[in-house]
Amino acid sequence: MYDVIIIGGGPAGASAAIYTARGNLKTLVIDKAPGTGALALTHKIANYPGVEGEMTGKELLDKMRRQAEGFGAEFIQTTISAVDVEDEEKSIFTAHGTFEAKAVIVATGSKGRNRMLPGEEQLLGRGVSTCATCDGAFYEGKHVAVIGDTEEALEEAHALTKFTEKITFLVPRADLQGVEELPELPNTEIHFRTRPLEIVGEKSVEGLRIRTAEGTEEMLPVDGVFVFLSGSKPGTDFLDGQVPLDEEGFMMLDEFMQSSVPGVFGAGEVRKTPVKQAVVAAADGAIAAMAVDKYINKRSKVVPQYK
């Protein structure tokens, strides 16, 4: 029996583990694929508070995990087959057996699209990105492509205009979902009904093969590709109706990351965060952890860990 099981070992889960373990709560982190989360695949991190210079997302995540382990948190890599979180004692069924806890923090992030573009996975972190705020500064004075079909993609393209020399914005649809009027974006060309076919490159992005609105295929020479196609959704399917979710699959949480199910909390991209950043996910994890401490120890209020 653990005090808390954290499902997901990304920045939200690792941060939560640091706080729960440091608070003397017996902590287990279950992560099915430690090297494949959004942060782990990020090639360069240069804006995480307290971290000077550049490091890879995996290096930053490894530091977080070692810190959590230093306080006594346990990590296990396995696949979850089912959960039972409606009772007072929560049960997590995995390929390595059943684990039980008094509380659960869901920090599984988002699952991404079901199908990636050819070349996207191989070049992720090497010219392919899904976060303009994270990686825009690496493309100072360069030509990049933005692929997207929603308002989110438009916002990300706008963020990139501060750095890039030119943006080619490709929209597979006839319009941008959620956008009634297109603003003017400096140094940006927008092409509707233009489909990306393949991201080309060996060690880094060299170009993007596209099909134009006229049906012809072209090679677009670019230095980077930012992908914001709709389809990304939180990895909450395994909750199987036991915890309330909104219509998009996000957990419905209060300001302390608590769901309406006693003892079930969430953190990171399983909730509808205003921005997707590692530091935001880590903050969510810290809040959820302190709320778990309050829940387990039956405190009247959350107690910050100032010491």
Protein backbone atom coordinates (compact mmCIF):
# COMPACT_ATOMS: atom_id res chain seq x y z
CA MET A 1 0.00 0.00 0.00
CA TYR A 2 1.42 3.36 -1.10
CA ASP A 3 0.28 6.74 0.11
CA VAL A 4 0.15 8.01 -3.47
CA ILE A 5 0.58 6.55 -6.94
CA ILE A 6 1.50 9.01 -9.67
CA ILE A 7 0.61 7.87 -13.18
CA GLY A 8 3.03 9.51 -15.60
CA GLY A 9 6.67 10.50 -15.11
CA GLY A 10 6.88 13.72 -17.13
CA PRO A 11 7.42 17.17 -15.59
CA ALA A 12 4.04 17.10 -13.81
CA GLY A 13 4.49 13.59 -12.42
CA ALA A 14 8.16 14.01 -11.49
CA SER A 15 7.50 17.33 -9.79
CA ALA A 16 4.61 15.82 -7.85
CA ALA A 17 6.87 12.94 -6.78
CA ILE A 18 9.48 15.38 -5.45
CA TYR A 19 6.88 17.05 -3.25
CA THR A 20 5.05 13.93 -2.06
CA ALA A 21 8.26 12.03 -1.27
CA ARG A 22 9.78 15.04 0.48
CA GLY A 23 6.56 15.23 2.50
CA ASN A 24 7.21 11.68 3.78
CA LEU A 25 4.46 10.13 1.68
CA LYS A 26 5.26 6.68 0.30
CA THR A 27 5.31 7.42 -3.43
CA LEU A 28 5.24 5.27 -6.56
CA VAL A 29 5.51 6.70 -10.08
CA ILE A 30 4.25 4.49 -12.92
CA ASP A 31 5.50 5.51 -16.36
CA LYS A 32 5.03 3.27 -19.39
CA ALA A 33 7.53 5.05 -21.66
CA PRO A 34 9.92 7.45 -19.86
CA GLY A 35 11.75 8.44 -23.03
CA THR A 36 8.80 9.29 -25.26
CA GLY A 37 6.97 12.14 -23.50
CA ALA A 38 6.86 15.65 -24.94
CA LEU A 39 9.61 16.95 -22.64
CA ALA A 40 11.84 13.90 -23.07
CA LEU A 41 11.78 14.39 -26.86
CA THR A 42 12.57 18.11 -26.73
CA HIS A 43 16.02 18.73 -28.19
CA LYS A 44 16.85 21.98 -26.40
CA ILE A 45 15.56 23.64 -23.23
CA ALA A 46 16.84 27.16 -22.61
CA ASN A 47 14.09 28.87 -20.61
CA TYR A 48 13.44 26.61 -17.62
CA PRO A 49 13.84 28.70 -14.43
CA GLY A 50 17.04 27.99 -12.53
CA VAL A 51 18.64 26.07 -15.41
CA GLU A 52 21.33 28.15 -17.11
CA GLY A 53 22.40 27.47 -20.66
CA GLU A 54 20.87 24.76 -22.79
CA MET A 55 20.10 21.12 -22.10
CA THR A 56 17.91 18.48 -23.68
CA GLY A 57 14.45 17.79 -22.31
CA LYS A 58 15.58 14.31 -21.34
CA GLU A 59 18.47 15.71 -19.30
CA LEU A 60 16.12 18.04 -17.44
CA LEU A 61 13.64 15.24 -16.84
CA ASP A 62 16.37 12.91 -15.59
CA LYS A 63 17.38 15.57 -13.06
CA MET A 64 13.79 15.83 -11.82
CA ARG A 65 13.50 12.06 -11.47
CA ARG A 66 16.81 11.72 -9.63
CA GLN A 67 15.70 14.47 -7.26
CA ALA A 68 12.44 12.62 -6.57
CA GLU A 69 14.32 9.34 -6.04
CA GLY A 70 16.65 11.14 -3.66
CA PHE A 71 13.65 11.89 -1.45
CA GLY A 72 12.52 8.26 -1.61
CA ALA A 73 10.10 8.08 -4.56
CA GLU A 74 10.02 4.79 -6.47
CA PHE A 75 9.74 4.65 -10.26
CA ILE A 76 8.52 1.67 -12.28
CA GLN A 77 8.14 1.29 -16.03
CA THR A 78 5.06 -0.73 -16.92
CA THR A 79 1.75 -0.57 -18.77
CA ILE A 80 -1.55 0.07 -17.01
CA SER A 81 -4.39 -2.23 -18.06
CA ALA A 82 -7.13 -0.84 -15.79
CA VAL A 83 -7.78 1.20 -12.65
CA ASP A 84 -10.29 1.21 -9.82
CA VAL A 85 -10.25 4.65 -8.23
CA GLU A 86 -13.82 5.00 -7.01
CA ASP A 87 -13.23 3.25 -3.66
CA GLU A 88 -11.28 4.70 -0.74
CA GLU A 89 -8.32 2.47 -1.61
CA LYS A 90 -7.26 3.00 -5.23
CA SER A 91 -6.10 0.01 -7.30
CA ILE A 92 -3.90 0.28 -10.38
CA PHE A 93 -3.69 -2.91 -12.46
CA THR A 94 -0.50 -3.26 -14.51
CA ALA A 95 1.57 -5.80 -16.42
CA HIS A 96 3.73 -6.05 -13.28
CA GLY A 97 0.87 -6.68 -10.90
CA THR A 98 -1.61 -4.61 -8.89
CA PHE A 99 -0.56 -1.56 -6.89
CA GLU A 100 -2.70 0.15 -4.26
CA ALA A 101 -2.67 3.62 -2.78
CA LYS A 102 -4.70 6.06 -0.73
CA ALA A 103 -4.51 8.70 -3.49
CA VAL A 104 -3.73 8.91 -7.19
CA ILE A 105 -2.31 11.75 -9.28
CA VAL A 106 -2.97 11.40 -13.02
CA ALA A 107 -0.15 13.08 -14.98
CA THR A 108 -0.25 11.22 -18.28
CA GLY A 109 0.02 14.28 -20.54
CA SER A 110 -1.49 14.33 -24.01
CA LYS A 111 -1.45 11.44 -26.46
CA GLY A 112 -0.91 13.42 -29.62
CA ARG A 113 -2.33 12.56 -33.01
CA ASN A 114 -2.90 8.98 -34.03
CA ARG A 115 -0.89 9.41 -37.25
CA MET A 116 2.30 11.41 -37.65
CA LEU A 117 3.69 12.75 -40.90
CA PRO A 118 6.44 10.70 -42.52
CA GLY A 119 9.71 12.01 -41.11
CA GLU A 120 8.03 13.78 -38.18
CA GLU A 121 8.94 11.28 -35.48
CA GLN A 122 12.51 10.78 -36.74
CA LEU A 123 13.21 14.54 -36.81
CA LEU A 124 11.33 15.53 -33.67
CA GLY A 125 13.67 17.77 -31.70
CA ARG A 126 15.94 18.12 -34.74
CA GLY A 127 13.99 20.73 -36.65
CA VAL A 128 10.48 19.46 -35.92
CA SER A 129 8.71 21.06 -32.98
CA THR A 130 5.24 21.30 -31.44
CA CYS A 131 5.92 24.37 -29.28
CA ALA A 132 6.73 27.83 -30.67
CA THR A 133 7.25 29.30 -27.21
CA CYS A 134 9.78 26.57 -26.41
CA ASP A 135 11.77 26.52 -29.63
CA GLY A 136 11.08 29.73 -31.57
CA ALA A 137 14.30 31.41 -30.42
CA PHE A 138 16.36 28.68 -32.10
CA TYR A 139 15.09 29.84 -35.52
CA GLU A 140 16.25 33.44 -35.44
CA GLY A 141 16.36 34.75 -39.02
CA LYS A 142 15.33 31.41 -40.54
CA HIS A 143 12.51 30.13 -42.73
CA VAL A 144 10.08 27.76 -41.04
CA ALA A 145 6.83 26.05 -41.93
CA VAL A 146 3.84 26.01 -39.60
CA ILE A 147 1.29 23.25 -40.17
CA GLY A 148 -2.06 23.66 -38.45
CA ASP A 149 -5.80 23.93 -38.75
CA THR A 150 -6.90 25.62 -35.52
CA GLU A 151 -6.70 28.89 -33.62
CA GLU A 152 -3.86 27.37 -31.60
CA ALA A 153 -1.74 27.11 -34.75
CA LEU A 154 -2.42 30.78 -35.53
CA GLU A 155 -1.31 31.81 -32.03
CA GLU A 156 1.86 29.73 -32.35
CA ALA A 157 2.63 31.24 -35.76
CA HIS A 158 2.19 34.70 -34.27
CA ALA A 159 4.72 33.82 -31.54
CA LEU A 160 7.21 32.69 -34.19
CA THR A 161 7.05 36.01 -36.09
CA LYS A 162 9.22 37.55 -33.35
CA PHE A 163 12.13 35.34 -34.39
CA THR A 164 11.88 34.01 -37.92
CA GLU A 165 12.67 35.69 -41.21
CA LYS A 166 9.83 33.93 -43.02
CA ILE A 167 6.92 31.66 -42.13
CA THR A 168 5.01 29.50 -44.57
CA PHE A 169 1.73 28.64 -42.86
CA LEU A 170 0.07 25.55 -44.33
CA VAL A 171 -3.61 24.88 -43.55
CA PRO A 172 -4.91 21.51 -44.83
CA ARG A 173 -8.52 22.72 -44.53
CA ALA A 174 -10.35 25.59 -46.22
CA ASP A 175 -10.26 27.60 -43.00
CA LEU A 176 -8.81 27.75 -39.50
CA GLN A 177 -11.10 26.29 -36.86
CA GLY A 178 -12.17 28.90 -34.31
CA VAL A 179 -10.88 31.84 -36.37
CA GLU A 180 -13.41 34.26 -37.86
CA GLU A 181 -11.02 36.89 -39.15
CA LEU A 182 -7.37 36.38 -40.03
CA PRO A 183 -4.98 38.95 -38.56
CA GLU A 184 -2.00 40.20 -40.53
CA LEU A 185 1.12 38.29 -39.57
CA PRO A 186 4.45 39.85 -40.61
CA ASN A 187 6.62 37.84 -43.02
CA THR A 188 3.99 35.10 -43.20
CA GLU A 189 2.40 33.42 -46.21
CA ILE A 190 -0.77 31.42 -45.52
CA HIS A 191 -1.77 28.63 -47.91
CA PHE A 192 -5.16 26.97 -47.45
CA ARG A 193 -6.08 23.50 -48.75
CA THR A 194 -2.38 22.66 -48.73
CA ARG A 195 -1.45 19.28 -47.28
CA PRO A 196 1.92 18.30 -45.83
CA LEU A 197 3.12 14.97 -47.23
CA GLU A 198 6.58 14.38 -45.77
CA ILE A 199 9.20 16.12 -43.64
CA VAL A 200 12.51 15.59 -45.38
CA GLY A 201 15.99 15.44 -43.88
CA GLU A 202 18.71 13.14 -42.60
CA LYS A 203 20.10 14.59 -39.35
CA SER A 204 17.93 17.72 -39.39
CA VAL A 205 15.03 19.19 -41.34
CA GLU A 206 15.94 20.06 -44.91
CA GLY A 207 12.52 20.56 -46.44
CA LEU A 208 8.81 19.78 -46.50
CA ARG A 209 7.07 17.98 -49.34
CA ILE A 210 3.56 19.36 -49.85
CA ARG A 211 0.50 19.01 -52.10
CA THR A 212 -0.84 22.41 -53.12
CA ALA A 213 -4.48 23.46 -53.45
CA GLU A 214 -4.09 22.91 -57.21
CA GLY A 215 -3.08 19.28 -56.65
CA THR A 216 0.60 19.59 -57.57
CA GLU A 217 3.43 18.32 -55.37
CA GLU A 218 6.23 20.69 -54.36
CA MET A 219 9.30 20.66 -52.13
CA LEU A 220 9.39 23.57 -49.69
CA PRO A 221 12.94 24.32 -48.46
CA VAL A 222 12.65 25.18 -44.75
CA ASP A 223 14.89 25.10 -41.69
CA GLY A 224 12.19 23.93 -39.30
CA VAL A 225 8.66 22.59 -39.16
CA PHE A 226 6.18 23.41 -36.37
CA VAL A 227 3.24 21.01 -36.26
CA PHE A 228 -0.05 22.07 -34.64
CA LEU A 229 -2.58 19.82 -36.32
CA SER A 230 -5.74 19.14 -34.35
CA GLY A 231 -6.10 15.73 -32.77
CA SER A 232 -3.96 16.06 -29.66
CA LYS A 233 -5.90 14.88 -26.66
CA PRO A 234 -5.20 14.07 -23.02
CA GLY A 235 -4.24 10.50 -22.16
CA THR A 236 -7.19 9.83 -19.87
CA ASP A 237 -8.93 6.95 -21.67
CA PHE A 238 -7.79 4.44 -19.04
CA LEU A 239 -9.95 6.16 -16.39
CA ASP A 240 -12.89 4.45 -18.11
CA GLY A 241 -15.65 6.77 -16.90
CA GLN A 242 -14.64 6.64 -13.23
CA VAL A 243 -13.54 10.29 -13.11
CA PRO A 244 -15.52 13.16 -14.71
CA LEU A 245 -13.99 14.42 -17.97
CA ASP A 246 -15.11 17.20 -20.28
CA GLU A 247 -16.15 16.62 -23.89
CA GLU A 248 -12.51 16.68 -25.05
CA GLY A 249 -11.30 14.19 -22.42
CA PHE A 250 -9.69 16.68 -20.02
CA MET A 251 -10.03 16.04 -16.30
CA MET A 252 -12.33 18.47 -14.50
CA LEU A 253 -10.22 19.78 -11.60
CA ASP A 254 -10.44 22.55 -9.02
CA GLU A 255 -7.70 25.06 -8.18
CA PHE A 256 -5.90 22.42 -6.09
CA MET A 257 -5.93 19.89 -8.96
CA GLN A 258 -8.60 17.78 -7.22
CA SER A 259 -11.29 15.94 -9.14
CA SER A 260 -14.77 15.37 -7.71
CA VAL A 261 -13.69 11.79 -6.86
CA PRO A 262 -12.08 11.79 -3.38
CA GLY A 263 -8.39 10.98 -3.55
CA VAL A 264 -8.07 11.45 -7.33
CA PHE A 265 -6.01 14.40 -8.58
CA GLY A 266 -4.63 15.51 -11.93
CA ALA A 267 -1.68 17.61 -13.14
CA GLY A 268 -0.22 18.88 -16.40
CA GLU A 269 -1.84 18.40 -19.77
CA VAL A 270 -4.63 16.15 -18.48
CA ARG A 271 -6.30 19.45 -17.57
CA LYS A 272 -7.04 22.26 -20.01
CA THR A 273 -3.97 24.37 -19.28
CA PRO A 274 -3.79 27.92 -20.69
CA VAL A 275 -0.32 27.17 -22.12
CA LYS A 276 1.64 23.97 -22.63
CA GLN A 277 5.00 24.45 -20.94
CA ALA A 278 7.14 22.17 -18.78
CA VAL A 279 7.26 24.77 -16.02
CA VAL A 280 3.44 24.97 -15.94
CA ALA A 281 3.15 21.17 -15.75
CA ALA A 282 5.73 21.10 -12.96
CA ALA A 283 3.78 23.74 -11.03
CA ASP A 284 0.60 21.68 -11.44
CA GLY A 285 2.45 18.67 -10.03
CA ALA A 286 3.59 20.63 -6.97
CA ILE A 287 0.05 21.87 -6.29
CA ALA A 288 -1.44 18.39 -6.71
CA ALA A 289 1.19 16.90 -4.39
CA MET A 290 0.49 19.37 -1.60
CA ALA A 291 -3.24 18.79 -2.05
CA VAL A 292 -2.61 15.03 -1.69
CA ASP A 293 -0.70 15.70 1.53
CA LYS A 294 -3.72 17.64 2.83
CA TYR A 295 -6.09 14.83 1.80
CA ILE A 296 -4.10 11.94 3.29
CA ASN A 297 -3.18 13.70 6.53
CA LYS A 298 -6.68 15.19 6.88
CA ARG A 299 -5.30 18.70 7.21
CA SER A 300 -7.63 21.69 7.20
CA LYS A 301 -5.55 23.47 4.55
CA VAL A 302 -2.65 22.93 2.16
CA VAL A 303 0.73 23.29 3.88
CA PRO A 304 3.53 24.66 1.62
CA GLN A 305 6.97 23.04 1.93
CA TYR A 306 9.04 26.08 2.81
CA LYS A 307 11.71 24.29 4.81
